[in-house]
Amino acid sequence: MKNLIRLMAAAAFVIMIATSFAFTEFKNGPVILVITVEVKNYDDWKKNFDAGAPVREKAGIKLLSVCTDMQNPNKVI
């Protein structure tokens, strides 16, 4: 249980840091962000995600790919 709590705390910290840097331009090049999340229904999630494309583009976020886990199609990478 302690390991799970530590893992969750570390994940929350990484997400917080990654989010703050996702919109920051660095001198040395682009920022690459990989996010993994489990959703209730991939098809519903994908429709909403695609609808957000104009917002991401306006913010300068370039999407390279969206993948799913082979064993769990609701786990989005």
N, C-alpha and C. Protein backbone atom coordinates (compact mmCIF):
# COMPACT_ATOMS: atom_id res chain seq x y z
N MET A 1 0.82 -1.19 0.00
CA MET A 1 0.00 0.00 0.00
C MET A 1 0.87 1.26 0.00
N LYS A 2 1.97 1.23 0.79
CA LYS A 2 2.87 2.39 0.82
C LYS A 2 3.46 2.65 -0.56
N ASN A 3 3.83 1.57 -1.25
CA ASN A 3 4.40 1.73 -2.59
C ASN A 3 3.39 2.34 -3.55
N LEU A 4 2.14 1.94 -3.43
CA LEU A 4 1.09 2.49 -4.29
C LEU A 4 0.91 3.98 -4.02
N ILE A 5 0.91 4.36 -2.76
CA ILE A 5 0.77 5.78 -2.40
C ILE A 5 1.96 6.57 -2.93
N ARG A 6 3.16 6.03 -2.79
CA ARG A 6 4.35 6.71 -3.31
C ARG A 6 4.29 6.84 -4.83
N LEU A 7 3.86 5.78 -5.48
CA LEU A 7 3.74 5.81 -6.94
C LEU A 7 2.72 6.85 -7.38
N MET A 8 1.59 6.91 -6.70
CA MET A 8 0.55 7.89 -7.05
C MET A 8 1.06 9.32 -6.80
N ALA A 9 1.78 9.52 -5.72
CA ALA A 9 2.33 10.85 -5.42
C ALA A 9 3.35 11.25 -6.48
N ALA A 10 4.19 10.31 -6.87
CA ALA A 10 5.19 10.59 -7.90
C ALA A 10 4.51 10.91 -9.23
N ALA A 11 3.47 10.14 -9.57
CA ALA A 11 2.74 10.38 -10.82
C ALA A 11 2.08 11.75 -10.81
N ALA A 12 1.49 12.12 -9.69
CA ALA A 12 0.85 13.44 -9.58
C ALA A 12 1.88 14.55 -9.75
N PHE A 13 3.06 14.37 -9.16
CA PHE A 13 4.12 15.36 -9.28
C PHE A 13 4.58 15.50 -10.74
N VAL A 14 4.78 14.36 -11.39
CA VAL A 14 5.22 14.38 -12.80
C VAL A 14 4.17 15.06 -13.67
N ILE A 15 2.90 14.75 -13.45
CA ILE A 15 1.83 15.37 -14.23
C ILE A 15 1.81 16.88 -14.00
N MET A 16 1.98 17.29 -12.76
CA MET A 16 1.98 18.72 -12.45
C MET A 16 3.13 19.43 -13.16
N ILE A 17 4.32 18.85 -13.08
CA ILE A 17 5.49 19.45 -13.72
C ILE A 17 5.33 19.44 -15.24
N ALA A 18 4.89 18.31 -15.79
CA ALA A 18 4.72 18.20 -17.24
C ALA A 18 3.70 19.20 -17.75
N THR A 19 2.63 19.39 -17.01
CA THR A 19 1.60 20.34 -17.42
C THR A 19 2.15 21.76 -17.42
N SER A 20 2.94 22.10 -16.44
CA SER A 20 3.48 23.46 -16.38
C SER A 20 4.48 23.71 -17.50
N PHE A 21 5.19 22.67 -17.94
CA PHE A 21 6.15 22.83 -19.01
C PHE A 21 5.56 22.61 -20.40
N ALA A 22 4.36 22.06 -20.48
CA ALA A 22 3.77 21.74 -21.78
C ALA A 22 3.59 22.98 -22.65
N PHE A 23 3.39 24.12 -22.03
CA PHE A 23 3.15 25.34 -22.78
C PHE A 23 4.34 26.30 -22.72
N THR A 24 5.51 25.78 -22.34
CA THR A 24 6.71 26.59 -22.21
C THR A 24 7.65 26.31 -23.37
N GLU A 25 8.12 27.35 -24.03
CA GLU A 25 9.07 27.18 -25.12
C GLU A 25 10.49 27.20 -24.55
N PHE A 26 11.28 26.22 -24.93
CA PHE A 26 12.65 26.13 -24.45
C PHE A 26 13.62 26.47 -25.56
N LYS A 27 14.79 27.01 -25.19
CA LYS A 27 15.81 27.38 -26.17
C LYS A 27 16.33 26.16 -26.92
N ASN A 28 16.39 25.03 -26.26
CA ASN A 28 17.02 23.85 -26.83
C ASN A 28 16.10 23.01 -27.69
N GLY A 29 14.87 23.41 -27.89
CA GLY A 29 13.98 22.65 -28.75
C GLY A 29 12.61 22.44 -28.14
N PRO A 30 11.82 21.63 -28.82
CA PRO A 30 10.44 21.42 -28.38
C PRO A 30 10.35 20.54 -27.14
N VAL A 31 9.22 20.63 -26.48
CA VAL A 31 8.93 19.80 -25.32
C VAL A 31 8.08 18.63 -25.80
N ILE A 32 8.43 17.43 -25.39
CA ILE A 32 7.66 16.24 -25.75
C ILE A 32 6.98 15.73 -24.49
N LEU A 33 5.69 15.52 -24.59
CA LEU A 33 4.90 15.09 -23.44
C LEU A 33 4.15 13.82 -23.81
N VAL A 34 4.29 12.79 -22.99
CA VAL A 34 3.58 11.53 -23.19
C VAL A 34 2.64 11.35 -22.00
N ILE A 35 1.36 11.15 -22.29
CA ILE A 35 0.36 11.01 -21.24
C ILE A 35 -0.34 9.67 -21.40
N THR A 36 -0.55 8.97 -20.30
CA THR A 36 -1.32 7.73 -20.30
C THR A 36 -2.49 7.92 -19.35
N VAL A 37 -3.69 7.59 -19.83
CA VAL A 37 -4.89 7.74 -19.01
C VAL A 37 -5.87 6.63 -19.36
N GLU A 38 -6.59 6.15 -18.36
CA GLU A 38 -7.64 5.16 -18.62
C GLU A 38 -8.98 5.88 -18.62
N VAL A 39 -9.74 5.68 -19.69
CA VAL A 39 -11.04 6.34 -19.86
C VAL A 39 -12.15 5.31 -19.77
N LYS A 40 -13.38 5.78 -19.55
CA LYS A 40 -14.51 4.85 -19.45
C LYS A 40 -14.84 4.22 -20.79
N ASN A 41 -14.81 5.03 -21.86
CA ASN A 41 -15.16 4.54 -23.18
C ASN A 41 -14.30 5.26 -24.21
N TYR A 42 -13.43 4.52 -24.87
CA TYR A 42 -12.49 5.14 -25.80
C TYR A 42 -13.19 5.89 -26.92
N ASP A 43 -14.23 5.31 -27.50
CA ASP A 43 -14.92 5.96 -28.62
C ASP A 43 -15.50 7.31 -28.22
N ASP A 44 -16.12 7.38 -27.05
CA ASP A 44 -16.66 8.66 -26.57
C ASP A 44 -15.53 9.64 -26.29
N TRP A 45 -14.47 9.15 -25.64
CA TRP A 45 -13.33 10.01 -25.34
C TRP A 45 -12.73 10.58 -26.61
N LYS A 46 -12.56 9.72 -27.62
CA LYS A 46 -11.91 10.14 -28.88
C LYS A 46 -12.72 11.23 -29.58
N LYS A 47 -14.05 11.12 -29.58
CA LYS A 47 -14.88 12.15 -30.19
C LYS A 47 -14.63 13.50 -29.52
N ASN A 48 -14.62 13.51 -28.20
CA ASN A 48 -14.38 14.75 -27.46
C ASN A 48 -12.95 15.25 -27.64
N PHE A 49 -12.01 14.33 -27.67
CA PHE A 49 -10.61 14.71 -27.87
C PHE A 49 -10.43 15.37 -29.24
N ASP A 50 -11.01 14.76 -30.27
CA ASP A 50 -10.91 15.32 -31.61
C ASP A 50 -11.56 16.69 -31.70
N ALA A 51 -12.65 16.88 -30.97
CA ALA A 51 -13.34 18.18 -30.97
C ALA A 51 -12.46 19.27 -30.36
N GLY A 52 -11.50 18.90 -29.55
CA GLY A 52 -10.60 19.87 -28.93
C GLY A 52 -9.39 20.24 -29.77
N ALA A 53 -9.30 19.70 -30.99
CA ALA A 53 -8.14 19.96 -31.85
C ALA A 53 -7.90 21.45 -32.10
N PRO A 54 -8.93 22.25 -32.39
CA PRO A 54 -8.68 23.68 -32.63
C PRO A 54 -8.05 24.39 -31.42
N VAL A 55 -8.44 23.99 -30.23
CA VAL A 55 -7.88 24.60 -29.02
C VAL A 55 -6.40 24.24 -28.89
N ARG A 56 -6.08 22.97 -29.13
CA ARG A 56 -4.68 22.53 -29.05
C ARG A 56 -3.83 23.24 -30.11
N GLU A 57 -4.37 23.33 -31.33
CA GLU A 57 -3.63 23.99 -32.41
C GLU A 57 -3.37 25.46 -32.09
N LYS A 58 -4.37 26.14 -31.56
CA LYS A 58 -4.22 27.56 -31.21
C LYS A 58 -3.15 27.74 -30.13
N ALA A 59 -3.03 26.76 -29.23
CA ALA A 59 -2.03 26.82 -28.16
C ALA A 59 -0.65 26.36 -28.63
N GLY A 60 -0.56 25.91 -29.89
CA GLY A 60 0.71 25.47 -30.43
C GLY A 60 1.06 24.04 -30.08
N ILE A 61 0.08 23.28 -29.62
CA ILE A 61 0.31 21.88 -29.26
C ILE A 61 0.14 21.03 -30.51
N LYS A 62 1.17 20.27 -30.85
CA LYS A 62 1.13 19.40 -32.02
C LYS A 62 1.00 17.96 -31.57
N LEU A 63 0.00 17.30 -32.06
CA LEU A 63 -0.27 15.92 -31.68
C LEU A 63 0.38 15.00 -32.71
N LEU A 64 1.19 14.07 -32.23
CA LEU A 64 1.82 13.13 -33.14
C LEU A 64 1.00 11.86 -33.29
N SER A 65 0.47 11.34 -32.19
CA SER A 65 -0.35 10.13 -32.29
C SER A 65 -1.13 9.89 -31.00
N VAL A 66 -2.21 9.14 -31.15
CA VAL A 66 -2.99 8.65 -30.02
C VAL A 66 -3.04 7.14 -30.17
N CYS A 67 -2.65 6.42 -29.13
CA CYS A 67 -2.61 4.96 -29.17
C CYS A 67 -3.43 4.41 -28.02
N THR A 68 -3.78 3.13 -28.13
CA THR A 68 -4.43 2.44 -27.02
C THR A 68 -3.66 1.19 -26.68
N ASP A 69 -3.82 0.74 -25.46
CA ASP A 69 -3.20 -0.49 -24.98
C ASP A 69 -3.86 -1.67 -25.69
N MET A 70 -3.07 -2.64 -26.12
CA MET A 70 -3.62 -3.80 -26.84
C MET A 70 -4.56 -4.63 -25.96
N GLN A 71 -4.28 -4.70 -24.67
CA GLN A 71 -5.09 -5.51 -23.78
C GLN A 71 -6.25 -4.73 -23.17
N ASN A 72 -6.15 -3.41 -23.16
CA ASN A 72 -7.20 -2.57 -22.59
C ASN A 72 -7.42 -1.37 -23.51
N PRO A 73 -8.39 -1.45 -24.42
CA PRO A 73 -8.61 -0.37 -25.38
C PRO A 73 -9.03 0.95 -24.74
N ASN A 74 -9.39 0.94 -23.48
CA ASN A 74 -9.75 2.18 -22.79
C ASN A 74 -8.55 2.85 -22.13
N LYS A 75 -7.38 2.25 -22.25
CA LYS A 75 -6.15 2.86 -21.75
C LYS A 75 -5.52 3.60 -22.93
N VAL A 76 -5.53 4.92 -22.86
CA VAL A 76 -5.08 5.77 -23.96
C VAL A 76 -3.68 6.26 -23.67
N ILE A 77 -2.83 6.21 -24.69
CA ILE A 77 -1.44 6.67 -24.57
C ILE A 77 -1.22 7.75 -25.62
